[in-house]
N, C-alpha and C. Protein backbone atom coordinates (compact mmCIF):
# COMPACT_ATOMS: atom_id res chain seq x y z
N MET A 1 -40.84 22.02 92.14
CA MET A 1 -41.30 21.66 90.43
C MET A 1 -42.11 22.77 89.94
N LYS A 2 -41.60 23.23 88.90
CA LYS A 2 -42.54 24.18 88.22
C LYS A 2 -43.57 24.02 87.18
N ARG A 3 -44.97 24.19 87.52
CA ARG A 3 -45.80 23.82 86.61
C ARG A 3 -45.85 24.31 85.38
N GLU A 4 -46.15 23.78 84.12
CA GLU A 4 -46.49 24.29 82.90
C GLU A 4 -47.42 25.04 82.84
N LEU A 5 -47.01 25.94 81.98
CA LEU A 5 -48.02 27.50 81.80
C LEU A 5 -49.16 26.88 80.56
N PRO A 6 -50.32 27.10 80.54
CA PRO A 6 -51.04 26.94 79.65
C PRO A 6 -51.13 27.56 78.32
N GLN A 7 -51.01 26.89 77.25
CA GLN A 7 -50.64 27.20 75.79
C GLN A 7 -51.68 27.63 75.09
N ALA A 8 -51.49 28.47 74.22
CA ALA A 8 -52.92 28.86 73.12
C ALA A 8 -53.06 27.54 72.51
N GLY A 9 -54.55 27.55 72.34
CA GLY A 9 -55.07 26.57 71.57
C GLY A 9 -55.29 25.32 72.50
N GLU A 10 -54.74 25.06 73.73
CA GLU A 10 -54.89 23.96 74.43
C GLU A 10 -56.30 24.15 75.00
N VAL A 11 -57.20 22.81 75.39
CA VAL A 11 -58.36 22.65 75.47
C VAL A 11 -58.56 21.89 76.90
N TYR A 12 -59.10 22.21 77.91
CA TYR A 12 -59.28 21.89 79.36
C TYR A 12 -60.94 21.40 79.26
N GLU A 13 -61.18 19.95 79.65
CA GLU A 13 -62.52 20.03 79.45
C GLU A 13 -62.63 18.96 81.01
N PHE A 14 -63.72 19.19 82.11
CA PHE A 14 -64.03 18.68 82.97
C PHE A 14 -65.21 18.56 83.41
N ALA A 15 -65.86 17.46 84.37
CA ALA A 15 -66.97 17.45 84.88
C ALA A 15 -67.51 18.61 85.60
N TYR A 16 -68.93 18.91 85.32
CA TYR A 16 -69.54 19.97 85.91
C TYR A 16 -70.94 19.71 86.12
N PRO A 17 -71.73 19.87 87.37
CA PRO A 17 -72.84 19.75 87.55
C PRO A 17 -73.86 20.46 87.01
N PHE A 18 -74.92 19.77 86.31
CA PHE A 18 -76.24 20.90 85.87
C PHE A 18 -77.39 20.37 86.55
N SER A 19 -78.17 21.52 86.45
CA SER A 19 -79.60 21.43 87.12
C SER A 19 -80.61 21.39 85.99
N ARG A 20 -81.68 21.03 86.18
CA ARG A 20 -82.88 20.92 85.06
C ARG A 20 -83.51 22.43 85.13
N ASP A 21 -84.04 22.95 84.34
CA ASP A 21 -84.91 23.78 84.22
C ASP A 21 -85.64 24.37 82.94
N THR A 22 -86.57 25.35 82.94
CA THR A 22 -87.41 25.40 81.68
C THR A 22 -87.17 26.76 81.31
N HIS A 23 -87.42 26.96 79.71
CA HIS A 23 -87.53 28.19 79.20
C HIS A 23 -88.78 28.18 78.50
N ASN A 24 -89.64 29.35 78.32
CA ASN A 24 -90.45 29.68 77.50
C ASN A 24 -90.12 30.17 75.80
N GLU A 25 -90.88 29.33 75.10
CA GLU A 25 -90.99 29.44 73.46
C GLU A 25 -92.29 29.75 73.17
N TRP A 26 -92.21 30.38 71.89
CA TRP A 26 -93.44 30.78 71.42
C TRP A 26 -93.60 30.18 69.97
N ASP A 27 -94.82 29.78 69.72
CA ASP A 27 -95.26 29.52 68.20
C ASP A 27 -96.69 30.38 68.08
N GLU A 28 -97.32 29.79 67.00
CA GLU A 28 -98.40 30.04 66.15
C GLU A 28 -99.65 30.29 67.51
N GLU A 29 -99.49 29.27 68.24
CA GLU A 29 -100.28 28.73 69.22
C GLU A 29 -100.18 29.50 70.64
N GLY A 30 -98.96 30.17 70.95
CA GLY A 30 -98.57 30.99 72.22
C GLY A 30 -97.73 30.38 72.56
N SER A 31 -97.39 30.70 74.08
CA SER A 31 -96.17 30.12 74.57
C SER A 31 -96.30 28.67 75.38
N TYR A 32 -95.14 28.16 75.26
CA TYR A 32 -94.96 27.00 75.75
C TYR A 32 -93.60 26.55 76.71
N GLU A 33 -93.58 25.94 77.90
CA GLU A 33 -92.37 25.54 78.33
C GLU A 33 -91.48 24.59 77.63
N VAL A 34 -90.40 24.59 77.81
CA VAL A 34 -89.27 23.59 76.96
C VAL A 34 -88.66 23.48 78.23
N PRO A 35 -88.14 22.01 78.42
CA PRO A 35 -87.03 21.57 79.22
C PRO A 35 -85.53 22.16 78.76
N THR A 36 -84.81 22.40 79.87
CA THR A 36 -83.58 22.79 79.40
C THR A 36 -82.65 22.42 80.62
N TRP A 37 -81.20 22.33 80.28
CA TRP A 37 -80.23 22.14 81.18
C TRP A 37 -79.51 23.64 81.71
N LYS A 38 -79.54 23.80 82.80
CA LYS A 38 -78.90 24.97 83.20
C LYS A 38 -77.50 24.60 83.88
N PRO A 39 -76.48 25.31 83.66
CA PRO A 39 -74.85 24.73 84.34
C PRO A 39 -74.91 25.30 85.90
N GLY A 40 -74.48 24.22 86.69
CA GLY A 40 -74.55 24.52 88.20
C GLY A 40 -75.66 23.95 88.68
N PRO A 41 -75.35 23.60 90.20
CA PRO A 41 -76.24 23.09 90.85
C PRO A 41 -77.57 24.30 91.39
N ARG A 42 -78.67 23.68 91.67
CA ARG A 42 -80.00 24.57 92.05
C ARG A 42 -79.86 24.63 93.38
N LYS A 43 -80.14 25.35 94.19
CA LYS A 43 -80.40 25.58 95.66
C LYS A 43 -81.51 25.01 96.22
N ILE A 44 -81.78 24.31 97.08
CA ILE A 44 -83.05 23.56 97.94
C ILE A 44 -82.82 24.20 99.35
N GLU A 45 -84.16 24.13 99.81
CA GLU A 45 -84.15 24.44 101.19
C GLU A 45 -84.32 23.35 101.71
N ILE A 46 -83.50 22.91 102.96
CA ILE A 46 -83.58 21.76 103.75
C ILE A 46 -84.10 22.35 105.29
N ARG A 47 -84.86 21.43 105.80
CA ARG A 47 -84.91 21.56 107.51
C ARG A 47 -84.01 20.63 108.07
N ASN A 48 -83.42 21.12 109.21
CA ASN A 48 -82.17 20.29 109.90
C ASN A 48 -82.70 20.91 111.43
N HIS A 49 -83.25 19.76 112.01
CA HIS A 49 -83.76 20.03 113.39
C HIS A 49 -84.37 21.30 113.51
N GLY A 50 -85.44 21.82 112.78
CA GLY A 50 -86.06 22.95 112.99
C GLY A 50 -85.57 23.93 112.22
N ASP A 51 -84.05 24.10 111.69
CA ASP A 51 -83.43 25.38 110.87
C ASP A 51 -83.87 24.99 109.55
N MET A 52 -83.63 26.05 108.99
CA MET A 52 -83.89 26.05 107.43
C MET A 52 -82.25 26.07 106.77
N ASP A 53 -81.88 25.69 105.96
CA ASP A 53 -80.76 25.61 105.61
C ASP A 53 -80.79 25.52 103.98
N LEU A 54 -79.52 25.62 103.41
CA LEU A 54 -79.76 25.47 101.77
C LEU A 54 -78.79 24.61 101.32
N GLU A 55 -79.03 23.82 100.46
CA GLU A 55 -78.11 22.78 99.92
C GLU A 55 -78.06 22.99 98.32
N ASN A 56 -76.95 22.63 97.79
CA ASN A 56 -76.68 22.48 96.12
C ASN A 56 -76.89 21.11 95.80
N VAL A 57 -78.07 21.06 94.99
CA VAL A 57 -78.16 19.67 94.16
C VAL A 57 -78.21 19.80 92.78
N ALA A 58 -77.43 18.99 92.20
CA ALA A 58 -77.44 18.74 90.81
C ALA A 58 -78.31 17.46 90.30
N ASP A 59 -78.78 17.78 89.00
CA ASP A 59 -79.79 16.56 88.63
C ASP A 59 -78.75 15.84 87.80
N ALA A 60 -77.97 16.33 87.03
CA ALA A 60 -76.87 15.20 86.25
C ALA A 60 -75.40 15.94 86.26
N MET A 61 -74.64 15.20 85.66
CA MET A 61 -73.40 15.68 85.42
C MET A 61 -73.17 16.27 83.63
N GLY A 62 -72.39 17.23 83.36
CA GLY A 62 -72.16 17.65 82.12
C GLY A 62 -70.40 17.98 82.11
N ARG A 63 -70.22 18.68 81.38
CA ARG A 63 -68.89 19.08 81.19
C ARG A 63 -68.63 20.59 80.88
N GLN A 64 -67.51 21.25 81.42
CA GLN A 64 -67.30 22.59 81.10
C GLN A 64 -66.00 22.35 79.84
N GLN A 65 -65.60 23.27 79.07
CA GLN A 65 -64.66 23.14 78.18
C GLN A 65 -64.17 24.59 77.89
N ILE A 66 -62.79 24.66 78.27
CA ILE A 66 -62.02 25.98 78.36
C ILE A 66 -61.01 25.88 77.37
N THR A 67 -60.82 26.86 76.54
CA THR A 67 -59.95 26.91 75.48
C THR A 67 -59.35 28.05 75.63
N ILE A 68 -57.82 27.90 75.75
CA ILE A 68 -56.85 28.99 76.08
C ILE A 68 -56.59 29.50 74.89
N VAL A 69 -56.73 31.05 74.96
CA VAL A 69 -56.33 32.06 73.75
C VAL A 69 -55.17 32.48 73.75
N GLY A 70 -54.39 32.64 75.08
CA GLY A 70 -53.14 32.75 75.27
C GLY A 70 -52.97 33.51 76.64
N THR A 71 -51.68 33.85 77.25
CA THR A 71 -51.69 34.49 78.43
C THR A 71 -50.28 35.36 78.21
N PHE A 72 -50.65 36.34 79.15
CA PHE A 72 -49.80 37.80 79.33
C PHE A 72 -49.28 37.92 80.72
N LYS A 73 -48.01 38.58 80.96
CA LYS A 73 -47.70 38.93 82.15
C LYS A 73 -47.38 40.34 82.09
N PRO A 74 -48.73 41.02 82.77
CA PRO A 74 -48.39 42.81 82.87
C PRO A 74 -47.40 43.09 83.65
N GLY A 75 -46.24 43.25 83.57
CA GLY A 75 -45.18 43.96 84.69
C GLY A 75 -45.19 43.02 85.87
N LYS A 76 -45.36 43.99 86.98
CA LYS A 76 -45.05 43.22 88.16
C LYS A 76 -46.57 42.48 88.63
N PHE A 77 -47.42 42.54 87.88
CA PHE A 77 -48.74 41.74 88.09
C PHE A 77 -48.68 40.05 87.92
N PRO A 78 -49.53 39.61 88.50
CA PRO A 78 -49.32 38.11 88.20
C PRO A 78 -50.13 37.72 86.67
N LEU A 79 -49.51 36.96 86.31
CA LEU A 79 -49.65 36.08 84.96
C LEU A 79 -51.57 35.96 84.52
N ARG A 80 -51.85 36.50 83.53
CA ARG A 80 -53.28 36.45 83.16
C ARG A 80 -53.26 35.34 82.14
N VAL A 81 -54.22 34.86 81.95
CA VAL A 81 -54.71 33.63 81.14
C VAL A 81 -56.06 34.20 80.74
N PHE A 82 -55.98 34.19 79.34
CA PHE A 82 -57.12 34.68 78.44
C PHE A 82 -57.69 33.24 77.64
N TYR A 83 -59.05 33.22 77.77
CA TYR A 83 -59.69 31.78 77.65
C TYR A 83 -61.17 32.08 77.25
N THR A 84 -61.76 31.19 76.55
CA THR A 84 -63.01 31.02 76.33
C THR A 84 -63.69 29.79 76.84
N ARG A 85 -65.10 29.87 76.95
CA ARG A 85 -65.69 28.85 77.92
C ARG A 85 -66.78 28.35 77.17
N LYS A 86 -67.14 27.14 77.14
CA LYS A 86 -68.40 26.33 76.33
C LYS A 86 -69.03 25.40 77.51
N TRP A 87 -70.00 24.87 77.36
CA TRP A 87 -70.49 23.91 78.12
C TRP A 87 -70.99 23.07 77.42
N ILE A 88 -71.10 21.77 77.98
CA ILE A 88 -71.57 20.37 77.26
C ILE A 88 -72.69 19.88 78.12
N ASP A 89 -73.99 20.01 78.00
CA ASP A 89 -74.97 19.79 79.07
C ASP A 89 -74.89 17.96 78.91
N PRO A 90 -75.77 17.55 79.81
CA PRO A 90 -75.71 15.90 79.84
C PRO A 90 -76.23 15.48 78.89
N ASP A 91 -76.98 16.00 77.75
CA ASP A 91 -77.59 15.41 76.83
C ASP A 91 -76.66 15.46 75.26
N GLY A 92 -75.40 15.94 75.79
CA GLY A 92 -74.62 16.35 74.65
C GLY A 92 -74.30 17.70 73.73
N LYS A 93 -75.37 18.63 74.19
CA LYS A 93 -75.53 19.63 73.54
C LYS A 93 -74.53 20.85 73.53
N VAL A 94 -73.72 21.27 72.87
CA VAL A 94 -72.89 22.18 73.06
C VAL A 94 -73.19 23.59 72.96
N PHE A 95 -73.00 24.57 74.06
CA PHE A 95 -73.50 25.97 73.94
C PHE A 95 -72.72 26.83 74.65
N GLY A 96 -72.44 28.05 74.67
CA GLY A 96 -71.97 29.13 75.65
C GLY A 96 -71.49 29.99 74.77
N LYS A 97 -71.48 31.45 75.02
CA LYS A 97 -70.96 32.80 74.60
C LYS A 97 -69.46 32.56 74.09
N SER A 98 -69.05 33.00 73.02
CA SER A 98 -67.53 32.92 72.47
C SER A 98 -66.66 34.25 73.03
N ALA A 99 -67.17 34.67 74.19
CA ALA A 99 -66.60 36.03 74.91
C ALA A 99 -65.09 35.36 75.43
N CYS A 100 -64.17 36.12 75.21
CA CYS A 100 -63.05 36.12 75.68
C CYS A 100 -63.09 36.37 77.33
N ARG A 101 -62.47 35.52 78.40
CA ARG A 101 -62.53 35.68 79.63
C ARG A 101 -61.15 36.03 80.11
N ILE A 102 -60.82 36.46 81.28
CA ILE A 102 -59.39 36.89 81.67
C ILE A 102 -59.39 36.30 83.16
N THR A 103 -58.54 35.57 83.48
CA THR A 103 -58.04 35.35 84.97
C THR A 103 -56.40 35.50 85.49
N THR A 104 -56.44 35.26 86.58
CA THR A 104 -54.98 35.19 86.82
C THR A 104 -54.81 33.65 86.96
N ILE A 105 -53.42 33.42 86.83
CA ILE A 105 -53.02 31.78 86.92
C ILE A 105 -53.37 31.34 87.79
N HIS A 106 -53.54 31.61 88.98
CA HIS A 106 -53.76 30.86 90.06
C HIS A 106 -55.46 30.69 90.26
N ALA A 107 -56.28 31.65 89.75
CA ALA A 107 -57.60 31.36 89.76
C ALA A 107 -57.91 30.28 88.60
N PHE A 108 -57.29 30.51 87.54
CA PHE A 108 -57.46 29.54 86.09
C PHE A 108 -57.06 28.13 86.92
N ARG A 109 -55.86 27.89 87.29
CA ARG A 109 -55.80 26.39 87.69
C ARG A 109 -56.73 26.04 88.96
N SER A 110 -57.42 26.57 89.52
CA SER A 110 -58.27 26.48 90.49
C SER A 110 -59.76 26.17 89.53
N LEU A 111 -60.12 26.98 88.40
CA LEU A 111 -61.30 26.97 87.57
C LEU A 111 -61.18 25.54 86.92
N VAL A 112 -59.66 25.12 86.45
CA VAL A 112 -59.91 23.54 85.68
C VAL A 112 -60.03 22.73 86.60
N ASN A 113 -59.86 22.76 87.96
CA ASN A 113 -60.05 21.82 88.73
C ASN A 113 -61.07 21.20 89.21
N GLY A 114 -62.50 21.77 88.45
CA GLY A 114 -63.75 21.38 88.34
C GLY A 114 -64.38 22.33 89.49
N PHE A 115 -65.85 21.71 89.49
CA PHE A 115 -66.68 22.68 90.18
C PHE A 115 -66.04 22.84 91.97
N ARG A 116 -65.93 24.01 92.27
CA ARG A 116 -65.43 24.03 93.56
C ARG A 116 -66.43 24.41 94.91
N HIS A 117 -67.72 24.19 94.79
CA HIS A 117 -68.48 23.92 95.84
C HIS A 117 -68.87 22.79 95.94
N GLU A 118 -69.10 22.22 97.35
CA GLU A 118 -69.86 20.93 97.70
C GLU A 118 -71.20 21.08 97.09
N PHE A 119 -71.80 19.63 96.37
CA PHE A 119 -72.93 19.70 95.92
C PHE A 119 -73.39 18.25 95.82
N LYS A 120 -74.92 17.66 96.16
CA LYS A 120 -75.10 16.62 96.23
C LYS A 120 -75.98 16.20 95.09
N MET A 121 -76.00 15.03 94.30
CA MET A 121 -76.96 14.69 93.15
C MET A 121 -78.08 14.42 93.42
N ALA A 122 -79.16 14.63 93.02
CA ALA A 122 -80.60 14.54 93.39
C ALA A 122 -80.93 12.91 92.90
N VAL A 123 -81.97 12.69 93.73
CA VAL A 123 -82.61 11.30 93.29
C VAL A 123 -83.03 11.53 91.81
N PRO A 124 -82.92 10.89 90.76
CA PRO A 124 -83.77 11.20 89.74
C PRO A 124 -85.39 10.98 89.94
N ALA A 125 -85.85 10.30 90.46
CA ALA A 125 -87.43 10.12 90.69
C ALA A 125 -87.99 11.38 91.61
N LEU A 126 -87.12 11.96 92.15
CA LEU A 126 -87.62 13.13 93.05
C LEU A 126 -87.02 14.46 92.43
N ALA A 127 -86.17 14.48 91.39
CA ALA A 127 -85.68 15.71 90.75
C ALA A 127 -86.79 16.48 90.41
N VAL A 128 -86.91 17.77 90.93
CA VAL A 128 -87.92 18.98 90.43
C VAL A 128 -87.71 18.99 89.15
N GLY A 129 -88.55 19.00 88.06
CA GLY A 129 -88.91 19.52 86.68
C GLY A 129 -87.98 18.52 85.90
N VAL A 130 -87.66 17.66 86.23
CA VAL A 130 -87.27 16.73 85.09
C VAL A 130 -88.07 16.14 84.14
N LYS A 131 -88.09 16.23 83.09
CA LYS A 131 -89.16 15.76 81.93
C LYS A 131 -88.33 14.76 80.76
N ALA A 132 -89.04 13.88 80.67
CA ALA A 132 -88.37 13.00 79.75
C ALA A 132 -88.62 13.82 78.31
N HIS A 133 -87.31 13.43 77.51
CA HIS A 133 -87.41 13.83 76.07
C HIS A 133 -88.24 12.79 75.22
N VAL A 134 -89.16 13.62 74.28
CA VAL A 134 -89.75 12.89 73.52
C VAL A 134 -89.17 12.73 72.01
């Protein structure tokens, strides 16, 4: 069975892990930290029988949105998919650059299947840097 090729204008949206972060903003009184969401999990160090290991941990789930610009088959080379990417954070805010990205059809199908690496969800009370919105 042959899979359908992505068509220009199609939108793919799928769950994506987010981690809490902060960034600095400035006003007339100086700089202050503002909580924000960052796409992807954060890495934390864990001890496993005396060994140090890294683990991917997400604080919440958001979404990634891919919009197809078009496809092109350059001669004997694999089909290329041109697309734009946006993020929807766990609070519903949409952000991302409008740059056109390019990948092979195989990599594109892997991309729209969701986050590719194993991760765990943080326990909310223990999530580092999580602050309540006022």
